[in-house]
Amino acid sequence: MNYIQQAYKGQRHLWMFILTTILVGGVFLGNFIIYLTYDQADLDAAYDLFANIPSSLNLAINLVPFAFLLGLLFLLVKFVHQRSLLSLTTARSKVDYGRVFFSFMMIATFTLVTFFIGYSMDSSEIVFQFDAGKFTILFLVSIVLFPFQIGLEEYLFRGYFMQHIGVMVKNKWFPLILTSVLFGIAHAANPEVGAIGFWKMMIFYVGTGLLLGIMTLMDDGLELALGFHLGNNLLASLLITADWTALQTDAVFKSTAEPSMSIVGEILIPVLVVYPIMLLILSKRYGWNNWKDRLFGKVTEPPKEDYKIIE
């Protein structure tokens, strides 16, 4: 049974899907509604209000709700859908933490190397602001709470939505595209969207969602996506910050540059060049094959003897 077919191991009534989507995914829908209905000046005022709170406390306040929502998702999957959490995580017989670690190190290494190359070439708009006390608090908040934040996004978008929508539409390409678009929309209220521009950031967010979705479908599990997402967000929190990003922290460095992202160098090259190279690396390491069927194939119900619904 492949990853999407794991949904057959539980109850799949439509009302269960709607209930879980509203209770767990409502916060992301709320963010998008805020983006659509609020004036940018009002959003900027709200961001400024939160900026007056100590940064690590502000980060904790923003991340703690993800822990409760992830717990709620797990409870709904376990007791409403009557499924194991393993089936939501991977098609393997157990979670492969080695995959999580490898993907984490891949994005962390890339981020550190490219940052320090750029820093050595031009550091005029980057300030070294390391404060041992503040950074220690930030580090503790980050390593404790970011796993819940990225866990919710991966288990909800690449896990729950990918599996259940795939079973509904009986194919793999539609949930891959839809969950990637929803992943982008879920970040629409982030301050960098207003600072950089909606369409630029949507290309980046949706492109990242596609990368994580392809990882999940090709590898039949969330492990690689979890590791990549965690490595990306931890480095975004700990390495460098800016006043116009969602993560304004006591990071080691701070960018003083005006908010901008080159459509070619900072959006299209990562999405169209760097991400495919990373997928190639993963495909070589884990022996991926049959890309067409894994990404565009049909989803069929497996024989009853191949799975058992938890009673």
Protein backbone atom coordinates (compact mmCIF):
# COMPACT_ATOMS: atom_id res chain seq x y z
CA MET A 1 0.00 0.00 0.00
CA ASN A 2 1.37 3.42 -0.97
CA TYR A 3 1.19 6.54 1.18
CA ILE A 4 -2.18 7.86 0.00
CA GLN A 5 -3.74 4.41 0.33
CA GLN A 6 -3.00 4.52 4.07
CA ALA A 7 -6.26 6.49 4.40
CA TYR A 8 -8.14 3.25 3.68
CA LYS A 9 -6.99 1.97 7.06
CA GLY A 10 -9.56 4.17 8.80
CA GLN A 11 -13.08 5.56 8.56
CA ARG A 12 -13.47 8.03 5.69
CA HIS A 13 -16.97 9.52 5.99
CA LEU A 14 -17.26 13.00 4.48
CA TRP A 15 -18.50 14.54 7.73
CA MET A 16 -15.32 13.37 9.45
CA PHE A 17 -13.17 15.11 6.84
CA ILE A 18 -15.21 18.32 7.08
CA LEU A 19 -15.12 18.30 10.88
CA THR A 20 -11.37 17.77 11.03
CA THR A 21 -10.72 20.36 8.34
CA ILE A 22 -12.74 23.02 10.15
CA LEU A 23 -11.40 22.29 13.64
CA VAL A 24 -7.74 21.96 12.67
CA GLY A 25 -7.41 23.87 9.41
CA GLY A 26 -9.65 26.77 10.39
CA VAL A 27 -6.72 28.80 11.67
CA PHE A 28 -5.13 28.82 8.21
CA LEU A 29 -8.42 29.78 6.58
CA GLY A 30 -8.70 32.58 9.13
CA ASN A 31 -5.27 33.87 8.16
CA PHE A 32 -6.30 34.04 4.51
CA ILE A 33 -9.56 35.81 5.35
CA ILE A 34 -7.59 38.35 7.37
CA TYR A 35 -5.32 38.92 4.40
CA LEU A 36 -8.27 39.45 2.06
CA THR A 37 -10.38 41.66 4.31
CA TYR A 38 -7.92 43.73 6.35
CA ASP A 39 -6.22 46.84 5.06
CA GLN A 40 -2.41 46.50 4.89
CA ALA A 41 -2.06 49.43 7.27
CA ASP A 42 -4.13 47.54 9.87
CA LEU A 43 -1.97 44.45 9.42
CA ASP A 44 1.19 46.53 9.79
CA ALA A 45 -0.21 48.05 13.00
CA ALA A 46 -0.89 44.56 14.37
CA TYR A 47 2.65 43.45 13.48
CA ASP A 48 4.04 46.56 15.21
CA LEU A 49 2.02 45.77 18.33
CA PHE A 50 3.50 42.28 18.55
CA ALA A 51 6.96 43.74 17.87
CA ASN A 52 6.82 45.46 21.26
CA ILE A 53 6.72 42.07 22.99
CA PRO A 54 10.13 40.45 23.72
CA SER A 55 10.92 38.50 20.56
CA SER A 56 11.30 35.03 22.08
CA LEU A 57 8.07 35.45 24.05
CA ASN A 58 6.38 36.66 20.88
CA LEU A 59 7.68 33.60 19.04
CA ALA A 60 6.43 31.28 21.78
CA ILE A 61 2.99 32.93 21.76
CA ASN A 62 2.77 32.35 18.00
CA LEU A 63 3.99 28.74 18.14
CA VAL A 64 2.16 27.31 21.18
CA PRO A 65 -1.23 27.10 19.40
CA PHE A 66 0.33 24.75 16.84
CA ALA A 67 1.04 22.25 19.60
CA PHE A 68 -2.62 22.15 20.60
CA LEU A 69 -3.80 21.94 16.98
CA LEU A 70 -1.38 19.11 16.20
CA GLY A 71 -2.62 17.24 19.27
CA LEU A 72 -6.21 17.84 18.15
CA LEU A 73 -5.44 16.51 14.67
CA PHE A 74 -3.90 13.36 16.16
CA LEU A 75 -6.93 12.84 18.41
CA LEU A 76 -9.38 13.25 15.52
CA VAL A 77 -7.41 10.85 13.32
CA LYS A 78 -7.12 8.31 16.12
CA PHE A 79 -10.62 8.40 17.58
CA VAL A 80 -12.86 9.79 14.81
CA HIS A 81 -11.21 8.29 11.73
CA GLN A 82 -10.09 5.30 13.82
CA ARG A 83 -6.65 5.26 12.22
CA SER A 84 -3.15 4.78 13.59
CA LEU A 85 -0.83 7.78 13.61
CA LEU A 86 1.76 5.61 11.85
CA SER A 87 -0.55 5.38 8.82
CA LEU A 88 -0.72 9.19 8.78
CA THR A 89 3.07 9.38 8.87
CA THR A 90 4.41 6.73 6.52
CA ALA A 91 3.65 3.62 4.49
CA ARG A 92 6.62 1.91 6.15
CA SER A 93 6.30 -0.44 9.10
CA LYS A 94 7.85 2.21 11.34
CA VAL A 95 8.95 5.85 11.15
CA ASP A 96 12.39 6.22 9.55
CA TYR A 97 14.12 8.90 11.64
CA GLY A 98 17.24 8.55 9.51
CA ARG A 99 15.27 10.10 6.64
CA VAL A 100 14.20 12.98 8.88
CA PHE A 101 17.83 13.61 9.86
CA PHE A 102 19.18 13.40 6.30
CA SER A 103 16.63 15.86 4.93
CA PHE A 104 17.20 18.18 7.89
CA MET A 105 20.96 18.19 7.28
CA MET A 106 20.51 18.70 3.53
CA ILE A 107 18.58 21.95 3.87
CA ALA A 108 20.59 23.11 6.90
CA THR A 109 23.88 22.61 5.07
CA PHE A 110 22.60 24.37 1.95
CA THR A 111 21.28 27.30 4.00
CA LEU A 112 24.47 27.76 6.01
CA VAL A 113 26.81 27.44 3.01
CA THR A 114 24.87 29.86 0.81
CA PHE A 115 24.45 32.35 3.67
CA PHE A 116 28.14 32.50 4.53
CA ILE A 117 29.15 32.72 0.87
CA GLY A 118 26.84 35.71 0.51
CA TYR A 119 28.04 37.16 3.81
CA SER A 120 31.70 36.90 2.77
CA MET A 121 30.94 38.63 -0.53
CA ASP A 122 28.87 41.50 0.93
CA SER A 123 28.02 41.98 4.58
CA SER A 124 27.16 45.68 4.35
CA GLU A 125 23.48 45.10 5.15
CA ILE A 126 23.92 42.28 7.65
CA VAL A 127 24.55 43.03 11.33
CA PHE A 128 26.12 40.55 13.75
CA GLN A 129 23.90 40.80 16.84
CA PHE A 130 24.69 37.65 18.81
CA ASP A 131 23.69 37.89 22.47
CA ALA A 132 24.39 34.65 24.36
CA GLY A 133 21.56 35.06 26.88
CA LYS A 134 18.88 36.04 24.37
CA PHE A 135 20.06 33.45 21.86
CA THR A 136 19.91 30.67 24.45
CA ILE A 137 16.27 31.48 25.18
CA LEU A 138 15.54 31.66 21.45
CA PHE A 139 17.27 28.31 20.89
CA LEU A 140 15.25 26.60 23.61
CA VAL A 141 11.94 28.05 22.39
CA SER A 142 12.80 27.07 18.81
CA ILE A 143 13.84 23.46 19.40
CA VAL A 144 10.87 22.83 21.69
CA LEU A 145 8.09 24.51 19.70
CA PHE A 146 9.07 24.48 16.02
CA PRO A 147 8.57 20.69 15.77
CA PHE A 148 4.91 21.28 16.64
CA GLN A 149 4.55 24.08 14.08
CA ILE A 150 6.12 22.21 11.18
CA GLY A 151 4.49 19.00 12.40
CA LEU A 152 1.03 20.51 12.13
CA GLU A 153 1.66 21.90 8.65
CA GLU A 154 3.15 18.64 7.34
CA TYR A 155 0.65 16.29 8.99
CA LEU A 156 -2.26 18.47 7.89
CA PHE A 157 -1.27 19.40 4.32
CA ARG A 158 1.05 16.62 3.13
CA GLY A 159 -0.52 14.06 5.45
CA TYR A 160 -4.23 14.34 6.20
CA PHE A 161 -5.27 16.43 3.18
CA MET A 162 -3.00 14.59 0.72
CA GLN A 163 -4.32 11.19 1.77
CA HIS A 164 -8.02 11.94 2.10
CA ILE A 165 -8.31 14.15 -0.98
CA GLY A 166 -6.35 11.55 -2.94
CA VAL A 167 -8.79 8.84 -1.89
CA MET A 168 -11.74 11.07 -2.82
CA VAL A 169 -10.54 12.00 -6.32
CA LYS A 170 -8.77 8.66 -6.97
CA ASN A 171 -5.54 10.21 -8.26
CA LYS A 172 -2.29 11.67 -6.94
CA TRP A 173 -1.65 14.78 -9.03
CA PHE A 174 -4.72 16.70 -7.84
CA PRO A 175 -3.99 16.45 -4.08
CA LEU A 176 -0.33 17.29 -4.81
CA ILE A 177 -1.26 20.52 -6.56
CA LEU A 178 -4.18 21.43 -4.28
CA THR A 179 -2.27 20.93 -1.03
CA SER A 180 0.63 22.99 -2.42
CA VAL A 181 -1.71 25.86 -3.29
CA LEU A 182 -3.43 25.62 0.10
CA PHE A 183 0.00 25.63 1.76
CA GLY A 184 0.79 28.90 -0.02
CA ILE A 185 -2.55 30.47 0.85
CA ALA A 186 -2.10 29.43 4.51
CA HIS A 187 0.89 31.80 4.69
CA ALA A 188 -0.85 34.73 3.01
CA ALA A 189 -1.09 36.78 6.23
CA ASN A 190 2.67 36.58 6.92
CA PRO A 191 4.25 40.06 6.99
CA GLU A 192 6.74 39.25 4.22
CA VAL A 193 3.81 38.74 1.82
CA GLY A 194 2.83 42.38 2.27
CA ALA A 195 6.45 43.52 2.15
CA ILE A 196 7.57 41.52 -0.90
CA GLY A 197 4.33 41.09 -2.81
CA PHE A 198 1.59 38.45 -2.88
CA TRP A 199 2.41 36.77 -6.18
CA LYS A 200 6.15 36.62 -5.60
CA MET A 201 5.70 34.97 -2.22
CA MET A 202 2.98 32.64 -3.51
CA ILE A 203 5.36 31.33 -6.18
CA PHE A 204 7.88 30.61 -3.45
CA TYR A 205 5.42 29.09 -0.95
CA VAL A 206 3.53 27.01 -3.52
CA GLY A 207 6.83 25.91 -5.05
CA THR A 208 8.04 24.81 -1.62
CA GLY A 209 4.74 22.99 -1.08
CA LEU A 210 5.25 21.14 -4.35
CA LEU A 211 8.76 20.15 -3.29
CA LEU A 212 7.51 18.76 0.03
CA GLY A 213 4.56 17.04 -1.65
CA ILE A 214 6.78 15.38 -4.25
CA MET A 215 9.08 14.19 -1.46
CA THR A 216 6.11 12.67 0.33
CA LEU A 217 4.63 10.88 -2.68
CA MET A 218 7.93 9.63 -4.07
CA ASP A 219 9.15 8.40 -0.69
CA ASP A 220 5.78 7.10 0.59
CA GLY A 221 6.06 9.00 3.86
CA LEU A 222 6.33 12.36 5.61
CA GLU A 223 9.81 11.83 7.05
CA LEU A 224 11.74 13.79 4.40
CA ALA A 225 9.23 16.64 4.38
CA LEU A 226 9.31 16.85 8.18
CA GLY A 227 13.10 17.02 8.28
CA PHE A 228 13.33 19.59 5.48
CA HIS A 229 10.64 21.84 6.93
CA LEU A 230 12.13 21.70 10.42
CA GLY A 231 15.64 22.48 9.19
CA ASN A 232 14.38 25.40 7.10
CA ASN A 233 12.34 26.98 9.90
CA LEU A 234 14.96 26.48 12.62
CA LEU A 235 17.63 28.19 10.51
CA ALA A 236 15.18 30.96 9.60
CA SER A 237 14.70 31.55 13.32
CA LEU A 238 18.26 31.13 14.57
CA LEU A 239 20.52 32.36 11.77
CA ILE A 240 19.20 35.67 10.44
CA THR A 241 16.19 37.87 11.08
CA ALA A 242 14.69 41.05 9.64
CA ASP A 243 12.03 43.51 10.73
CA TRP A 244 9.72 42.58 7.84
CA THR A 245 9.59 38.81 8.22
CA ALA A 246 7.25 36.51 10.15
CA LEU A 247 10.19 35.38 12.31
CA GLN A 248 11.57 38.46 14.08
CA THR A 249 13.95 36.89 16.56
CA ASP A 250 17.19 37.35 18.51
CA ALA A 251 19.03 35.50 15.76
CA VAL A 252 22.78 35.58 15.27
CA PHE A 253 22.49 38.04 12.38
CA LYS A 254 20.02 40.70 11.34
CA SER A 255 19.39 42.01 7.84
CA THR A 256 18.97 45.78 7.60
CA ALA A 257 18.18 45.68 3.88
CA GLU A 258 14.91 46.99 2.54
CA PRO A 259 12.35 44.23 1.94
CA SER A 260 12.91 42.80 -1.52
CA MET A 261 13.31 39.47 -3.29
CA SER A 262 14.62 39.11 -6.82
CA ILE A 263 12.06 37.20 -8.87
CA VAL A 264 14.87 35.35 -10.65
CA GLY A 265 17.68 34.99 -8.11
CA GLU A 266 15.69 34.48 -4.91
CA ILE A 267 12.45 32.90 -6.12
CA LEU A 268 12.70 31.20 -9.51
CA ILE A 269 16.22 29.80 -9.10
CA PRO A 270 15.43 28.15 -5.73
CA VAL A 271 12.10 26.78 -6.99
CA LEU A 272 13.15 25.74 -10.51
CA VAL A 273 16.84 24.88 -9.99
CA VAL A 274 17.74 24.24 -6.35
CA TYR A 275 14.63 22.24 -5.45
CA PRO A 276 14.96 19.86 -8.43
CA ILE A 277 18.62 19.28 -7.52
CA MET A 278 17.56 18.39 -3.98
CA LEU A 279 14.96 15.97 -5.33
CA LEU A 280 17.66 14.42 -7.51
CA ILE A 281 19.91 13.95 -4.47
CA LEU A 282 17.08 12.29 -2.56
CA SER A 283 16.13 10.11 -5.51
CA LYS A 284 19.69 8.80 -5.78
CA ARG A 285 19.96 8.16 -2.06
CA TYR A 286 16.62 6.40 -1.70
CA GLY A 287 16.35 4.75 -5.10
CA TRP A 288 13.20 6.47 -6.30
CA ASN A 289 11.78 5.20 -9.59
CA ASN A 290 8.51 5.12 -11.52
CA TRP A 291 8.01 8.88 -11.10
CA LYS A 292 5.01 9.00 -13.44
CA ASP A 293 2.93 6.55 -11.44
CA ARG A 294 4.00 7.87 -8.04
CA LEU A 295 3.08 11.45 -8.92
CA PHE A 296 0.30 11.05 -11.50
CA GLY A 297 -1.02 7.52 -11.02
CA LYS A 298 -4.49 6.48 -9.93
CA VAL A 299 -5.44 5.75 -6.32
CA THR A 300 -7.28 2.46 -6.00
CA GLU A 301 -8.69 0.74 -2.94
CA PRO A 302 -6.41 -2.16 -1.98
CA PRO A 303 -7.81 -5.64 -1.30
CA LYS A 304 -9.57 -5.85 2.06
CA GLU A 305 -7.08 -8.41 3.36
CA ASP A 306 -4.27 -5.85 2.93
CA TYR A 307 -5.56 -3.55 5.64
CA LYS A 308 -7.72 -3.52 8.72
CA ILE A 309 -9.70 -0.61 10.09
CA ILE A 310 -9.02 -0.02 13.75
CA GLU A 311 -12.19 -0.70 15.74
